[in-house]
Protein backbone atom coordinates (compact mmCIF):
# COMPACT_ATOMS: atom_id res chain seq x y z
CA UNK A 1 0.00 0.00 0.00
CA UNK A 2 2.81 2.41 0.82
CA UNK A 3 4.50 1.71 -2.51
CA UNK A 4 1.17 2.24 -4.26
CA UNK A 5 0.82 5.66 -2.61
CA UNK A 6 4.36 6.75 -3.44
CA UNK A 7 6.41 5.52 -6.38
CA UNK A 8 3.59 3.67 -8.17
CA UNK A 9 1.36 6.75 -8.06
CA UNK A 10 4.18 8.92 -9.38
CA UNK A 11 4.92 6.39 -12.11
CA UNK A 12 1.26 6.22 -13.18
CA UNK A 13 1.21 10.03 -13.44
CA UNK A 14 4.54 9.94 -15.31
CA UNK A 15 6.13 12.02 -12.55
CA UNK A 16 8.50 9.36 -11.23
CA UNK A 17 11.48 11.22 -12.75
CA UNK A 18 10.92 14.04 -10.24
CA UNK A 19 8.93 12.59 -7.32
CA UNK A 20 7.73 9.36 -5.69
CA UNK A 21 10.88 8.26 -3.89
CA UNK A 22 13.52 9.73 -1.61
CA UNK A 23 16.24 10.08 -4.21
CA UNK A 24 18.78 12.90 -4.74
CA UNK A 25 17.50 15.63 -7.09
CA UNK A 26 13.86 14.59 -6.67
CA UNK A 27 11.19 16.66 -4.93
CA UNK A 28 10.21 15.08 -1.64
CA UNK A 29 6.94 15.23 0.25
CA UNK A 30 7.36 13.60 3.63
CA UNK A 31 4.90 12.95 6.44
CA UNK A 32 5.87 11.89 9.92
CA UNK A 33 3.15 9.96 11.70
CA UNK A 34 2.60 9.58 15.45
CA UNK A 35 2.46 5.86 16.19
CA UNK A 36 2.09 6.42 19.95
CA UNK A 37 -1.49 7.71 19.76
CA UNK A 38 -4.20 5.64 21.39
CA UNK A 39 -5.94 4.94 18.07
CA UNK A 40 -3.08 2.64 17.02
CA UNK A 41 -2.33 1.06 20.41
CA UNK A 42 -1.03 -1.51 20.80
CA UNK A 43 1.06 -1.16 17.65
CA UNK A 44 1.38 -4.61 16.10
CA UNK A 45 2.14 -3.99 12.42
CA UNK A 46 3.32 -0.60 11.13
CA UNK A 47 2.07 -0.80 7.49
CA UNK A 48 -1.28 -2.16 8.70
CA UNK A 49 -1.60 0.62 11.27
CA UNK A 50 -0.83 3.30 8.69
CA UNK A 51 -3.38 1.94 6.22
CA UNK A 52 -6.14 0.78 8.59
CA UNK A 53 -5.93 2.72 11.84
CA UNK A 54 -4.29 6.09 11.38
CA UNK A 55 -6.13 9.26 10.43
CA UNK A 56 -5.34 12.96 10.13
CA UNK A 57 -4.75 13.26 13.87
CA UNK A 58 -1.70 11.02 13.52
CA UNK A 59 0.02 13.45 11.13
CA UNK A 60 2.73 15.09 13.23
CA UNK A 61 4.95 16.75 10.61
CA UNK A 62 4.56 17.46 6.89
CA UNK A 63 7.38 18.51 4.57
CA UNK A 64 6.47 19.49 0.99
CA UNK A 65 9.29 19.93 -1.53
CA UNK A 66 11.69 20.56 1.34
CA UNK A 67 9.52 23.16 3.11
CA UNK A 68 8.02 22.36 6.52
CA UNK A 69 4.24 22.89 6.32
CA UNK A 70 3.21 21.26 9.62
CA UNK A 71 5.41 20.93 12.68
CA UNK A 72 4.60 19.15 15.95
CA UNK A 73 0.94 18.95 14.95
CA UNK A 74 0.57 22.65 14.10
CA UNK A 75 0.06 24.05 10.59
CA UNK A 76 2.59 26.70 9.67
CA UNK A 77 1.80 29.74 7.52
CA UNK A 78 -1.84 28.75 7.11
CA UNK A 79 -4.60 31.36 6.99
CA UNK A 80 -7.44 29.13 8.18
CA UNK A 81 -10.00 31.95 8.16
CA UNK A 82 -9.30 32.65 4.49
CA UNK A 83 -9.32 28.93 3.69
CA UNK A 84 -12.70 28.45 5.41
CA UNK A 85 -14.12 31.33 3.35
CA UNK A 86 -12.77 29.84 0.13
CA UNK A 87 -14.17 26.42 1.00
CA UNK A 88 -17.60 27.88 1.78
CA UNK A 89 -17.60 29.81 -1.50
CA UNK A 90 -16.67 26.63 -3.37
CA UNK A 91 -19.45 24.69 -1.63
CA UNK A 92 -21.98 27.41 -2.42
CA UNK A 93 -20.92 27.47 -6.08
CA UNK A 94 -21.16 23.68 -6.44
CA UNK A 95 -24.57 23.46 -4.78
CA UNK A 96 -25.83 26.34 -6.93
CA UNK A 97 -24.42 24.88 -10.16
CA UNK A 98 -26.03 21.53 -9.37
CA UNK A 99 -29.35 23.16 -8.45
CA UNK A 100 -29.34 21.55 -5.02
CA UNK A 101 -30.83 23.56 -2.15
CA UNK A 102 -28.52 23.86 0.85
CA UNK A 103 -29.78 22.58 4.16
CA UNK A 104 -26.96 22.14 6.65
CA UNK A 105 -29.29 20.43 9.14
CA UNK A 106 -30.96 17.90 6.84
CA UNK A 107 -31.27 14.37 8.13
């Protein structure tokens, strides 16, 4: 599964010459996961835990093309207020374009 998400994905997108593995002169996106969280305890099998048990709360650090984007669980240089506004505008556009009335409390 990990190979599928890294080098195989890059190869399928024909980007394996520049990404998909930790190789000199390639761009690297790296995530560091917290395997001590209660949602993976007791840790029995690392690949299985990553695929089956971990979620966004286990993402401790994110490095994109050599730049740290998340450190010790905190997003860096992120304007969450602006992002929320952009997401709401996108949602409103999609609902409107599809002709679907918005009801945030529908059952």
